[in-house]
Amino acid sequence: MMARTHIAFAALMMVACSVGILQRMPQVHEVALAGAAGLLPDLDHPKSTFGRIVPYISIPIAKVFGHRGFTHSFLMVALIIWLLLTYREQQNIPVLPLVIGYFSHIIGDLLTPSGVPLLWPIRKKILFEYFQS
């Protein structure tokens, strides 16, 4: 998926979760934050949107894990949730839009022929083959 597609999909997921699960309309900043968070897993690619902004983070991640590696796994999602919940009180962090945005990126990449290593460090890539015809 391309950056704009990840942003749109993450924003849509934020709206869907807010309306469908939380039974409320999302706030504009939540939708925007989810959209931005939808780009975060691609920090493992130095030419991605965020990779170009923070190459000092992106380049080492790319060298160690490669693209669509650790940052596209359940383990990373769990780590992000843990970090956000740990520091939420001190920093007033909006956890839900960040998690929805991040996870929506992984879901989006599951829809591509390349798939993602959801069970990293097991490197076998998983994809939704149903959508591949």
N, C-alpha and C. Protein backbone atom coordinates (compact mmCIF):
# COMPACT_ATOMS: atom_id res chain seq x y z
N MET A 1 0.84 -1.18 0.00
CA MET A 1 0.00 0.00 0.00
C MET A 1 0.88 1.24 0.00
N MET A 2 0.36 2.29 -0.53
CA MET A 2 1.06 3.57 -0.57
C MET A 2 0.69 4.40 0.67
N ALA A 3 1.48 5.43 0.95
CA ALA A 3 1.28 6.25 2.15
C ALA A 3 -0.13 6.81 2.23
N ARG A 4 -0.62 7.38 1.15
CA ARG A 4 -1.95 8.00 1.20
C ARG A 4 -3.04 6.96 1.46
N THR A 5 -2.83 5.74 0.98
CA THR A 5 -3.79 4.67 1.21
C THR A 5 -3.77 4.25 2.68
N HIS A 6 -2.57 4.16 3.26
CA HIS A 6 -2.47 3.83 4.68
C HIS A 6 -3.12 4.91 5.54
N ILE A 7 -2.93 6.17 5.20
CA ILE A 7 -3.54 7.27 5.96
C ILE A 7 -5.06 7.17 5.89
N ALA A 8 -5.58 7.00 4.69
CA ALA A 8 -7.04 6.92 4.52
C ALA A 8 -7.62 5.71 5.24
N PHE A 9 -6.96 4.56 5.11
CA PHE A 9 -7.45 3.35 5.75
C PHE A 9 -7.42 3.49 7.28
N ALA A 10 -6.37 4.08 7.82
CA ALA A 10 -6.27 4.28 9.27
C ALA A 10 -7.35 5.23 9.76
N ALA A 11 -7.58 6.30 9.02
CA ALA A 11 -8.64 7.25 9.41
C ALA A 11 -10.00 6.57 9.37
N LEU A 12 -10.25 5.78 8.34
CA LEU A 12 -11.51 5.05 8.23
C LEU A 12 -11.67 4.06 9.38
N MET A 13 -10.60 3.36 9.73
CA MET A 13 -10.66 2.42 10.85
C MET A 13 -10.96 3.13 12.16
N MET A 14 -10.41 4.34 12.35
CA MET A 14 -10.68 5.11 13.56
C MET A 14 -12.16 5.48 13.63
N VAL A 15 -12.70 5.92 12.51
CA VAL A 15 -14.13 6.26 12.48
C VAL A 15 -14.98 5.02 12.73
N ALA A 16 -14.64 3.92 12.07
CA ALA A 16 -15.40 2.68 12.23
C ALA A 16 -15.38 2.18 13.67
N CYS A 17 -14.22 2.21 14.30
CA CYS A 17 -14.11 1.75 15.69
C CYS A 17 -14.86 2.68 16.64
N SER A 18 -14.77 3.96 16.39
CA SER A 18 -15.47 4.92 17.26
C SER A 18 -16.98 4.74 17.17
N VAL A 19 -17.48 4.70 15.95
CA VAL A 19 -18.92 4.60 15.75
C VAL A 19 -19.43 3.19 16.09
N GLY A 20 -18.74 2.17 15.60
CA GLY A 20 -19.21 0.80 15.76
C GLY A 20 -19.00 0.21 17.13
N ILE A 21 -17.89 0.53 17.77
CA ILE A 21 -17.57 -0.09 19.06
C ILE A 21 -17.83 0.85 20.22
N LEU A 22 -17.32 2.07 20.11
CA LEU A 22 -17.45 3.04 21.21
C LEU A 22 -18.79 3.76 21.20
N GLN A 23 -19.54 3.60 20.10
CA GLN A 23 -20.86 4.23 19.97
C GLN A 23 -20.82 5.74 20.10
N ARG A 24 -19.81 6.34 19.48
CA ARG A 24 -19.68 7.79 19.48
C ARG A 24 -18.96 8.23 18.22
N MET A 25 -19.14 9.48 17.87
CA MET A 25 -18.41 10.03 16.74
C MET A 25 -16.99 10.35 17.19
N PRO A 26 -16.00 10.05 16.36
CA PRO A 26 -14.63 10.36 16.75
C PRO A 26 -14.37 11.86 16.65
N GLN A 27 -13.41 12.32 17.42
CA GLN A 27 -12.99 13.71 17.32
C GLN A 27 -12.03 13.83 16.14
N VAL A 28 -11.97 15.02 15.56
CA VAL A 28 -11.14 15.24 14.38
C VAL A 28 -9.69 14.91 14.66
N HIS A 29 -9.19 15.30 15.83
CA HIS A 29 -7.78 15.03 16.12
C HIS A 29 -7.50 13.54 16.25
N GLU A 30 -8.50 12.75 16.66
CA GLU A 30 -8.31 11.30 16.75
C GLU A 30 -8.17 10.69 15.35
N VAL A 31 -8.98 11.15 14.43
CA VAL A 31 -8.92 10.65 13.05
C VAL A 31 -7.59 11.03 12.41
N ALA A 32 -7.17 12.27 12.63
CA ALA A 32 -5.89 12.74 12.07
C ALA A 32 -4.72 11.98 12.68
N LEU A 33 -4.76 11.77 13.98
CA LEU A 33 -3.68 11.05 14.65
C LEU A 33 -3.62 9.59 14.20
N ALA A 34 -4.77 8.97 14.05
CA ALA A 34 -4.79 7.59 13.54
C ALA A 34 -4.21 7.54 12.13
N GLY A 35 -4.57 8.51 11.30
CA GLY A 35 -4.02 8.56 9.94
C GLY A 35 -2.51 8.65 9.94
N ALA A 36 -1.98 9.52 10.78
CA ALA A 36 -0.52 9.65 10.88
C ALA A 36 0.11 8.37 11.42
N ALA A 37 -0.51 7.77 12.43
CA ALA A 37 0.02 6.53 13.01
C ALA A 37 -0.01 5.39 12.00
N GLY A 38 -0.88 5.50 11.01
CA GLY A 38 -0.94 4.49 9.96
C GLY A 38 0.33 4.42 9.12
N LEU A 39 1.19 5.42 9.25
CA LEU A 39 2.46 5.42 8.51
C LEU A 39 3.63 4.88 9.35
N LEU A 40 3.45 4.77 10.65
CA LEU A 40 4.56 4.41 11.54
C LEU A 40 5.24 3.06 11.27
N PRO A 41 4.52 1.99 10.93
CA PRO A 41 5.23 0.73 10.71
C PRO A 41 6.28 0.81 9.60
N ASP A 42 6.13 1.75 8.68
CA ASP A 42 7.11 1.85 7.60
C ASP A 42 8.35 2.64 8.00
N LEU A 43 8.53 2.88 9.29
CA LEU A 43 9.81 3.44 9.75
C LEU A 43 10.96 2.51 9.39
N ASP A 44 10.64 1.26 9.10
CA ASP A 44 11.68 0.30 8.72
C ASP A 44 12.11 0.45 7.26
N HIS A 45 11.64 1.51 6.60
CA HIS A 45 12.01 1.77 5.21
C HIS A 45 12.49 3.22 5.11
N PRO A 46 13.79 3.45 4.90
CA PRO A 46 14.35 4.81 4.90
C PRO A 46 13.73 5.76 3.87
N LYS A 47 13.09 5.23 2.84
CA LYS A 47 12.48 6.12 1.84
C LYS A 47 10.99 6.33 2.08
N SER A 48 10.46 5.81 3.19
CA SER A 48 9.06 6.03 3.53
C SER A 48 8.87 7.47 4.02
N THR A 49 7.64 7.86 4.22
CA THR A 49 7.33 9.22 4.66
C THR A 49 8.05 9.55 5.96
N PHE A 50 7.85 8.73 7.00
CA PHE A 50 8.53 8.99 8.28
C PHE A 50 10.00 8.63 8.22
N GLY A 51 10.36 7.66 7.39
CA GLY A 51 11.76 7.28 7.25
C GLY A 51 12.63 8.42 6.77
N ARG A 52 12.09 9.25 5.90
CA ARG A 52 12.82 10.42 5.41
C ARG A 52 12.90 11.52 6.46
N ILE A 53 11.92 11.57 7.37
CA ILE A 53 11.92 12.58 8.42
C ILE A 53 12.93 12.22 9.51
N VAL A 54 12.99 10.95 9.86
CA VAL A 54 13.90 10.49 10.92
C VAL A 54 14.81 9.37 10.41
N PRO A 55 15.72 9.69 9.49
CA PRO A 55 16.59 8.64 8.93
C PRO A 55 17.50 8.02 9.99
N TYR A 56 17.83 8.76 11.03
CA TYR A 56 18.68 8.22 12.10
C TYR A 56 17.98 7.11 12.89
N ILE A 57 16.68 7.00 12.76
CA ILE A 57 15.93 5.88 13.35
C ILE A 57 15.66 4.84 12.27
N SER A 58 15.24 5.30 11.12
CA SER A 58 14.82 4.41 10.04
C SER A 58 15.95 3.55 9.48
N ILE A 59 17.09 4.13 9.25
CA ILE A 59 18.21 3.39 8.66
C ILE A 59 18.67 2.24 9.56
N PRO A 60 18.89 2.47 10.86
CA PRO A 60 19.28 1.33 11.70
C PRO A 60 18.20 0.23 11.78
N ILE A 61 16.93 0.63 11.85
CA ILE A 61 15.86 -0.37 11.89
C ILE A 61 15.87 -1.19 10.59
N ALA A 62 16.04 -0.51 9.46
CA ALA A 62 16.07 -1.20 8.16
C ALA A 62 17.24 -2.17 8.08
N LYS A 63 18.40 -1.77 8.60
CA LYS A 63 19.58 -2.63 8.54
C LYS A 63 19.43 -3.87 9.41
N VAL A 64 18.82 -3.70 10.58
CA VAL A 64 18.69 -4.82 11.51
C VAL A 64 17.53 -5.75 11.13
N PHE A 65 16.36 -5.17 10.79
CA PHE A 65 15.16 -5.97 10.60
C PHE A 65 14.68 -6.05 9.15
N GLY A 66 15.10 -5.14 8.29
CA GLY A 66 14.59 -5.10 6.92
C GLY A 66 13.18 -4.53 6.87
N HIS A 67 12.70 -4.32 5.64
CA HIS A 67 11.35 -3.78 5.48
C HIS A 67 10.33 -4.88 5.67
N ARG A 68 9.23 -4.53 6.27
CA ARG A 68 8.17 -5.46 6.64
C ARG A 68 8.71 -6.60 7.49
N GLY A 69 9.43 -6.21 8.52
CA GLY A 69 9.95 -7.17 9.48
C GLY A 69 9.29 -6.95 10.83
N PHE A 70 10.09 -6.72 11.82
CA PHE A 70 9.63 -6.54 13.20
C PHE A 70 8.54 -5.49 13.35
N THR A 71 8.65 -4.38 12.63
CA THR A 71 7.67 -3.30 12.79
C THR A 71 6.29 -3.66 12.25
N HIS A 72 6.19 -4.77 11.53
CA HIS A 72 4.92 -5.21 10.96
C HIS A 72 4.42 -6.48 11.66
N SER A 73 4.69 -6.61 12.95
CA SER A 73 4.36 -7.85 13.67
C SER A 73 3.46 -7.59 14.88
N PHE A 74 2.83 -8.66 15.36
CA PHE A 74 2.04 -8.58 16.59
C PHE A 74 2.92 -8.18 17.76
N LEU A 75 4.17 -8.63 17.76
CA LEU A 75 5.10 -8.30 18.84
C LEU A 75 5.29 -6.78 18.94
N MET A 76 5.45 -6.13 17.80
CA MET A 76 5.62 -4.67 17.81
C MET A 76 4.34 -3.98 18.25
N VAL A 77 3.19 -4.47 17.81
CA VAL A 77 1.91 -3.89 18.24
C VAL A 77 1.78 -4.01 19.76
N ALA A 78 2.14 -5.17 20.31
CA ALA A 78 2.09 -5.36 21.77
C ALA A 78 3.05 -4.41 22.48
N LEU A 79 4.24 -4.24 21.92
CA LEU A 79 5.23 -3.32 22.51
C LEU A 79 4.71 -1.88 22.48
N ILE A 80 4.11 -1.49 21.39
CA ILE A 80 3.55 -0.13 21.27
C ILE A 80 2.44 0.07 22.31
N ILE A 81 1.54 -0.90 22.42
CA ILE A 81 0.46 -0.79 23.40
C ILE A 81 1.03 -0.68 24.81
N TRP A 82 1.99 -1.52 25.11
CA TRP A 82 2.61 -1.48 26.45
C TRP A 82 3.25 -0.12 26.73
N LEU A 83 4.01 0.38 25.76
CA LEU A 83 4.67 1.69 25.94
C LEU A 83 3.65 2.81 26.10
N LEU A 84 2.63 2.80 25.26
CA LEU A 84 1.62 3.86 25.35
C LEU A 84 0.87 3.82 26.68
N LEU A 85 0.50 2.62 27.12
CA LEU A 85 -0.22 2.51 28.39
C LEU A 85 0.68 2.85 29.57
N THR A 86 1.95 2.53 29.47
CA THR A 86 2.90 2.83 30.55
C THR A 86 3.07 4.33 30.74
N TYR A 87 3.15 5.06 29.64
CA TYR A 87 3.43 6.50 29.72
C TYR A 87 2.21 7.38 29.49
N ARG A 88 1.05 6.79 29.35
CA ARG A 88 -0.18 7.54 29.07
C ARG A 88 -0.49 8.57 30.14
N GLU A 89 -0.40 8.18 31.38
CA GLU A 89 -0.76 9.08 32.49
C GLU A 89 0.17 10.28 32.55
N GLN A 90 1.46 10.06 32.39
CA GLN A 90 2.44 11.15 32.50
C GLN A 90 2.37 12.10 31.31
N GLN A 91 2.08 11.59 30.13
CA GLN A 91 2.16 12.39 28.92
C GLN A 91 0.80 12.72 28.30
N ASN A 92 -0.29 12.22 28.88
CA ASN A 92 -1.64 12.42 28.33
C ASN A 92 -1.70 11.97 26.87
N ILE A 93 -1.30 10.74 26.62
CA ILE A 93 -1.20 10.18 25.27
C ILE A 93 -2.55 9.57 24.87
N PRO A 94 -3.06 9.92 23.69
CA PRO A 94 -4.30 9.30 23.19
C PRO A 94 -3.99 7.92 22.60
N VAL A 95 -4.12 6.90 23.39
CA VAL A 95 -3.69 5.55 23.03
C VAL A 95 -4.49 4.98 21.86
N LEU A 96 -5.80 5.05 21.91
CA LEU A 96 -6.63 4.37 20.92
C LEU A 96 -6.33 4.78 19.47
N PRO A 97 -6.28 6.07 19.14
CA PRO A 97 -5.98 6.42 17.74
C PRO A 97 -4.61 5.94 17.28
N LEU A 98 -3.64 5.95 18.16
CA LEU A 98 -2.29 5.49 17.80
C LEU A 98 -2.28 3.99 17.51
N VAL A 99 -2.94 3.24 18.36
CA VAL A 99 -2.97 1.78 18.18
C VAL A 99 -3.79 1.41 16.94
N ILE A 100 -4.94 2.04 16.78
CA ILE A 100 -5.77 1.75 15.60
C ILE A 100 -5.02 2.10 14.33
N GLY A 101 -4.39 3.26 14.30
CA GLY A 101 -3.63 3.67 13.12
C GLY A 101 -2.50 2.71 12.82
N TYR A 102 -1.74 2.35 13.84
CA TYR A 102 -0.60 1.46 13.65
C TYR A 102 -1.07 0.09 13.14
N PHE A 103 -2.07 -0.46 13.82
CA PHE A 103 -2.54 -1.80 13.46
C PHE A 103 -3.22 -1.81 12.09
N SER A 104 -3.87 -0.70 11.73
CA SER A 104 -4.52 -0.64 10.41
C SER A 104 -3.49 -0.77 9.29
N HIS A 105 -2.30 -0.25 9.52
CA HIS A 105 -1.23 -0.37 8.52
C HIS A 105 -0.91 -1.85 8.27
N ILE A 106 -0.80 -2.59 9.35
CA ILE A 106 -0.48 -4.01 9.23
C ILE A 106 -1.61 -4.75 8.53
N ILE A 107 -2.85 -4.42 8.88
CA ILE A 107 -3.99 -5.04 8.20
C ILE A 107 -3.95 -4.72 6.70
N GLY A 108 -3.68 -3.47 6.38
CA GLY A 108 -3.58 -3.08 4.97
C GLY A 108 -2.52 -3.86 4.23
N ASP A 109 -1.36 -4.04 4.86
CA ASP A 109 -0.28 -4.79 4.20
C ASP A 109 -0.59 -6.28 4.11
N LEU A 110 -1.47 -6.78 4.97
CA LEU A 110 -1.90 -8.17 4.85
C LEU A 110 -2.71 -8.38 3.57
N LEU A 111 -3.27 -7.32 3.05
CA LEU A 111 -4.08 -7.40 1.84
C LEU A 111 -3.24 -7.37 0.56
N THR A 112 -1.94 -7.14 0.70
CA THR A 112 -1.06 -7.09 -0.47
C THR A 112 -0.43 -8.46 -0.71
N PRO A 113 0.05 -8.71 -1.92
CA PRO A 113 0.69 -10.00 -2.22
C PRO A 113 1.94 -10.27 -1.39
N SER A 114 2.58 -9.23 -0.87
CA SER A 114 3.82 -9.43 -0.09
C SER A 114 3.56 -9.93 1.31
N GLY A 115 2.40 -9.60 1.90
CA GLY A 115 2.09 -10.04 3.25
C GLY A 115 2.99 -9.43 4.31
N VAL A 116 2.84 -9.88 5.54
CA VAL A 116 3.65 -9.40 6.66
C VAL A 116 4.00 -10.56 7.60
N PRO A 117 5.13 -10.44 8.32
CA PRO A 117 5.51 -11.48 9.28
C PRO A 117 4.83 -11.24 10.64
N LEU A 118 3.53 -11.51 10.71
CA LEU A 118 2.77 -11.25 11.94
C LEU A 118 3.37 -11.90 13.17
N LEU A 119 3.98 -13.05 12.99
CA LEU A 119 4.50 -13.81 14.14
C LEU A 119 6.01 -13.65 14.30
N TRP A 120 6.54 -12.51 13.83
CA TRP A 120 7.97 -12.25 13.95
C TRP A 120 8.40 -12.54 15.39
N PRO A 121 9.51 -13.25 15.62
CA PRO A 121 10.68 -13.47 14.79
C PRO A 121 10.55 -14.61 13.77
N ILE A 122 9.42 -15.30 13.74
CA ILE A 122 9.20 -16.23 12.64
C ILE A 122 8.98 -15.36 11.41
N ARG A 123 9.80 -15.55 10.41
CA ARG A 123 9.81 -14.62 9.27
C ARG A 123 8.83 -14.98 8.15
N LYS A 124 8.08 -16.06 8.33
CA LYS A 124 7.10 -16.42 7.31
C LYS A 124 6.05 -15.32 7.22
N LYS A 125 5.83 -14.85 5.99
CA LYS A 125 4.88 -13.76 5.78
C LYS A 125 3.48 -14.31 5.58
N ILE A 126 2.54 -13.66 6.23
CA ILE A 126 1.13 -14.05 6.17
C ILE A 126 0.40 -13.01 5.34
N LEU A 127 -0.57 -13.48 4.54
CA LEU A 127 -1.38 -12.55 3.76
C LEU A 127 -2.79 -13.10 3.65
N PHE A 128 -3.73 -12.20 3.40
CA PHE A 128 -5.11 -12.60 3.19
C PHE A 128 -5.25 -12.99 1.73
N GLU A 129 -5.10 -14.26 1.42
CA GLU A 129 -5.11 -14.74 0.03
C GLU A 129 -6.47 -14.57 -0.62
N TYR A 130 -7.52 -14.50 0.17
CA TYR A 130 -8.86 -14.34 -0.38
C TYR A 130 -8.96 -13.11 -1.26
N PHE A 131 -8.22 -12.07 -0.88
CA PHE A 131 -8.29 -10.80 -1.59
C PHE A 131 -7.28 -10.73 -2.75
N GLN A 132 -6.55 -11.79 -3.01
CA GLN A 132 -5.47 -11.74 -3.99
C GLN A 132 -5.87 -12.16 -5.39
N SER A 133 -7.14 -12.40 -5.67
CA SER A 133 -7.51 -12.88 -7.01
C SER A 133 -7.73 -11.76 -8.00
